Amino acid sequence: MGRDEEHFVGKLNTGTLIGNSDATLMTGTSDIASRVVTSDTLFAGRRELLITHSGEAYRLRLTNQGKLILTK
């Protein structure tokens, strides 16, 4: 488990990460497990990426201030 994932869990304060490279976040009362992926992994050194969802394209951008912006 990486430092980003540990920080993520600490901020949520409702879950526990299990696993190694593809960490899974298990929330207290839910049977749903969410995959935790760091923004560094998603962007892989780039500043933006395209995400397709239900046939639509979305652009996820990393700003100079370190914030994320998702646009259609």
Foldseek 3Di string as FASTA:
>chain_A
DDPVVVVVCVVVVFWDWDDDPFIWTDGDPDPDIDTDDDVCRVQVPHFWDWDDDPNDIWIWGQDPVRDIDIGD
